[in-house]
C-alpha atoms as a PDB file:
ATOM      1  CA  MET A   1      -3.191 -19.107   1.102  1.00  0.00           C
ATOM      2  CA  THR A   2      -4.548 -15.775  -0.045  1.00  0.00           C
ATOM      3  CA  ALA A   3      -2.509 -14.883  -3.118  1.00  0.00           C
ATOM      4  CA  PRO A   4      -4.048 -17.260  -5.694  1.00  0.00           C
ATOM      5  CA  PHE A   5      -7.581 -16.279  -4.747  1.00  0.00           C
ATOM      6  CA  LEU A   6      -7.322 -12.508  -4.311  1.00  0.00           C
ATOM      7  CA  SER A   7      -6.923  -9.831  -6.945  1.00  0.00           C
ATOM      8  CA  LEU A   8      -4.137  -7.278  -6.669  1.00  0.00           C
ATOM      9  CA  ALA A   9      -6.690  -4.652  -5.624  1.00  0.00           C
ATOM     10  CA  GLN A  10      -7.916  -6.886  -2.786  1.00  0.00           C
ATOM     11  CA  ILE A  11      -4.358  -7.505  -1.580  1.00  0.00           C
ATOM     12  CA  ARG A  12      -3.677  -3.748  -1.711  1.00  0.00           C
ATOM     13  CA  ASN A  13      -6.852  -3.060   0.297  1.00  0.00           C
ATOM     14  CA  ARG A  14      -5.845  -5.608   2.947  1.00  0.00           C
ATOM     15  CA  LEU A  15      -2.409  -4.002   3.242  1.00  0.00           C
ATOM     16  CA  ILE A  16      -4.043  -0.602   3.747  1.00  0.00           C
ATOM     17  CA  LEU A  17      -6.476  -1.913   6.374  1.00  0.00           C
ATOM     18  CA  THR A  18      -3.673  -3.670   8.251  1.00  0.00           C
ATOM     19  CA  ALA A  19      -1.454  -0.569   8.195  1.00  0.00           C
ATOM     20  CA  ARG A  20      -4.321   1.570   9.524  1.00  0.00           C
ATOM     21  CA  ALA A  21      -4.983  -0.911  12.344  1.00  0.00           C
ATOM     22  CA  ILE A  22      -1.292  -0.850  13.268  1.00  0.00           C
ATOM     23  CA  LEU A  23      -1.329   2.950  13.356  1.00  0.00           C
ATOM     24  CA  ARG A  24      -4.356   2.878  15.674  1.00  0.00           C
ATOM     25  CA  ASP A  25      -2.588   0.468  18.044  1.00  0.00           C
ATOM     26  CA  HIS A  26       0.701   2.394  17.984  1.00  0.00           C
ATOM     27  CA  ARG A  27      -0.812   5.880  18.368  1.00  0.00           C
ATOM     28  CA  PRO A  28       1.408   8.019  20.593  1.00  0.00           C
ATOM     29  CA  GLY A  29       0.164   8.681  24.105  1.00  0.00           C
ATOM     30  CA  PRO A  30       0.035  12.037  25.893  1.00  0.00           C
ATOM     31  CA  ASP A  31       3.780  11.844  26.581  1.00  0.00           C
ATOM     32  CA  GLY A  32       4.515  11.386  22.844  1.00  0.00           C
ATOM     33  CA  ARG A  33       5.664   7.781  23.177  1.00  0.00           C
ATOM     34  CA  CYS A  34       4.143   4.690  21.607  1.00  0.00           C
ATOM     35  CA  PRO A  35       2.359   2.679  24.347  1.00  0.00           C
ATOM     36  CA  ILE A  36       3.472  -0.644  22.850  1.00  0.00           C
ATOM     37  CA  CYS A  37       7.074   0.086  21.792  1.00  0.00           C
ATOM     38  CA  ARG A  38       7.700   2.656  24.574  1.00  0.00           C
ATOM     39  CA  THR A  39       9.685   4.873  22.193  1.00  0.00           C
ATOM     40  CA  ALA A  40       9.085   8.357  20.849  1.00  0.00           C
ATOM     41  CA  ASP A  41       9.964   7.296  17.291  1.00  0.00           C
ATOM     42  CA  CYS A  42       8.074   4.011  16.851  1.00  0.00           C
ATOM     43  CA  PRO A  43       9.597   1.978  13.978  1.00  0.00           C
ATOM     44  CA  VAL A  44       6.392  -0.038  13.563  1.00  0.00           C
ATOM     45  CA  SER A  45       4.238   3.028  12.960  1.00  0.00           C
ATOM     46  CA  THR A  46       6.893   4.422  10.616  1.00  0.00           C
ATOM     47  CA  ALA A  47       6.733   1.211   8.559  1.00  0.00           C
ATOM     48  CA  ALA A  48       2.916   1.340   8.534  1.00  0.00           C
ATOM     49  CA  ARG A  49       2.995   4.948   7.296  1.00  0.00           C
ATOM     50  CA  ASN A  50       5.426   3.924   4.548  1.00  0.00           C
ATOM     51  CA  VAL A  51       3.095   1.101   3.479  1.00  0.00           C
ATOM     52  CA  LEU A  52       0.137   3.500   3.360  1.00  0.00           C
ATOM     53  CA  HIS A  53       2.110   6.032   1.354  1.00  0.00           C
ATOM     54  CA  ALA A  54       3.271   3.396  -1.145  1.00  0.00           C
ATOM     55  CA  ALA A  55      -0.145   1.749  -1.484  1.00  0.00           C
ATOM     56  CA  GLU A  56      -2.062   4.979  -1.938  1.00  0.00           C
ATOM     57  CA  GLU A  57       0.259   6.502  -4.546  1.00  0.00           C
ATOM     58  CA  VAL A  58      -0.177   3.611  -7.009  1.00  0.00           C
ATOM     59  CA  PRO A  59      -2.468   4.767  -9.821  1.00  0.00           C
ATOM     60  CA  GLN A  60      -5.518   2.578 -10.152  1.00  0.00           C
ATOM     61  CA  ARG A  61      -6.718   1.768 -13.660  1.00  0.00           C
ATOM     62  CA  SER A  62     -10.420   1.519 -14.182  1.00  0.00           C
ATOM     63  CA  THR A  63     -11.714  -1.531 -16.032  1.00  0.00           C
ATOM     64  CA  ALA A  64     -13.806   0.868 -18.119  1.00  0.00           C
ATOM     65  CA  THR A  65     -10.731   2.448 -19.710  1.00  0.00           C
ATOM     66  CA  ARG A  66      -9.364   1.051 -22.918  1.00  0.00           C
ATOM     67  CA  PRO A  67      -5.738   0.032 -23.255  1.00  0.00           C
ATOM     68  CA  THR A  68      -3.615   2.524 -25.147  1.00  0.00           C
ATOM     69  CA  GLU A  69      -2.825   1.970 -28.792  1.00  0.00           C
ATOM     70  CA  PRO A  70       0.719   0.750 -29.499  1.00  0.00           C
ATOM     71  CA  ASP A  71       3.040   3.496 -30.677  1.00  0.00           C
ATOM     72  CA  ARG A  72       3.648   3.137 -34.415  1.00  0.00           C
ATOM     73  CA  ASP A  73       7.189   4.488 -34.041  1.00  0.00           C
ATOM     74  CA  ASP A  74       8.235   1.756 -31.595  1.00  0.00           C
ATOM     75  CA  PRO A  75       9.565  -1.424 -33.232  1.00  0.00           C
ATOM     76  CA  GLN A  76       7.651  -4.547 -32.336  1.00  0.00           C
ATOM     77  CA  GLN A  77       9.497  -7.025 -30.144  1.00  0.00           C
ATOM     78  CA  ALA A  78       9.344 -10.674 -31.146  1.00  0.00           C
ATOM     79  CA  GLY A  79       7.861 -12.627 -28.284  1.00  0.00           C
END
Protein backbone atom coordinates (compact mmCIF):
# COMPACT_ATOMS: atom_id res chain seq x y z
CA MET A 1 0.00 0.00 0.00
CA THR A 2 2.38 2.70 -1.14
CA ALA A 3 0.49 4.60 -3.83
CA PRO A 4 -1.96 6.61 -1.68
CA PHE A 5 0.78 7.77 0.66
CA LEU A 6 3.63 8.59 -1.71
CA SER A 7 3.98 11.49 -4.11
CA LEU A 8 4.79 10.87 -7.76
CA ALA A 9 8.35 12.07 -7.14
CA GLN A 10 8.79 9.53 -4.33
CA ILE A 11 7.46 6.71 -6.52
CA ARG A 12 9.82 7.79 -9.32
CA ASN A 13 12.77 7.82 -6.88
CA ARG A 14 11.92 4.31 -5.66
CA LEU A 15 11.77 3.06 -9.25
CA ILE A 16 15.20 4.55 -9.91
CA LEU A 17 16.71 3.05 -6.75
CA THR A 18 15.25 -0.37 -7.54
CA ALA A 19 16.52 -0.27 -11.14
CA ARG A 20 20.02 0.67 -9.93
CA ALA A 21 20.02 -2.19 -7.42
CA ILE A 22 18.98 -4.61 -10.16
CA LEU A 23 21.80 -3.37 -12.39
CA ARG A 24 24.30 -3.92 -9.56
CA ASP A 25 23.07 -7.50 -9.06
CA HIS A 26 23.02 -8.28 -12.79
CA ARG A 27 26.41 -6.72 -13.63
CA PRO A 28 28.21 -8.82 -16.23
CA GLY A 29 31.11 -10.92 -15.01
CA PRO A 30 34.57 -11.18 -16.59
CA ASP A 31 33.19 -13.52 -19.27
CA GLY A 32 30.53 -10.94 -20.25
CA ARG A 33 27.60 -12.97 -18.93
CA CYS A 34 25.17 -12.04 -16.19
CA PRO A 35 25.95 -14.17 -13.09
CA ILE A 36 22.26 -14.59 -12.25
CA CYS A 37 20.68 -15.11 -15.69
CA ARG A 38 23.77 -16.80 -17.20
CA THR A 39 23.24 -14.99 -20.52
CA ALA A 40 25.30 -12.41 -22.38
CA ASP A 41 22.24 -10.25 -23.08
CA CYS A 42 20.43 -10.16 -19.72
CA PRO A 43 16.75 -9.19 -20.22
CA VAL A 44 16.44 -8.08 -16.59
CA SER A 45 19.26 -5.55 -16.85
CA THR A 46 17.87 -4.35 -20.19
CA ALA A 47 14.50 -3.69 -18.52
CA ALA A 48 16.21 -1.89 -15.63
CA ARG A 49 18.13 0.33 -18.07
CA ASN A 50 14.86 1.13 -19.86
CA VAL A 51 13.24 2.10 -16.55
CA LEU A 52 16.18 4.37 -15.70
CA HIS A 53 16.09 5.99 -19.12
CA ALA A 54 12.33 6.61 -18.91
CA ALA A 55 12.42 7.88 -15.32
CA GLU A 56 15.34 10.23 -15.84
CA GLU A 57 14.04 11.84 -19.04
CA VAL A 58 10.80 13.07 -17.42
CA PRO A 59 11.10 16.82 -16.84
CA GLN A 60 10.64 17.73 -13.21
CA ARG A 61 8.68 20.89 -12.43
CA SER A 62 9.80 22.91 -9.49
CA THR A 63 7.15 23.98 -7.00
CA ALA A 64 8.66 27.47 -7.18
CA THR A 65 7.63 27.92 -10.82
CA ARG A 66 4.30 29.45 -11.64
CA PRO A 67 1.83 27.73 -13.92
CA THR A 68 1.70 29.17 -17.41
CA GLU A 69 -1.00 31.62 -18.37
CA PRO A 70 -3.79 30.17 -20.53
CA ASP A 71 -3.43 31.02 -24.20
CA ARG A 72 -5.97 33.69 -25.15
CA ASP A 73 -6.30 32.23 -28.65
CA ASP A 74 -7.41 28.81 -27.38
CA PRO A 75 -11.17 28.46 -26.82
CA GLN A 76 -12.13 27.53 -23.30
CA GLN A 77 -13.53 24.04 -22.85
CA ALA A 78 -16.65 23.68 -20.74
CA GLY A 79 -15.89 21.34 -17.89
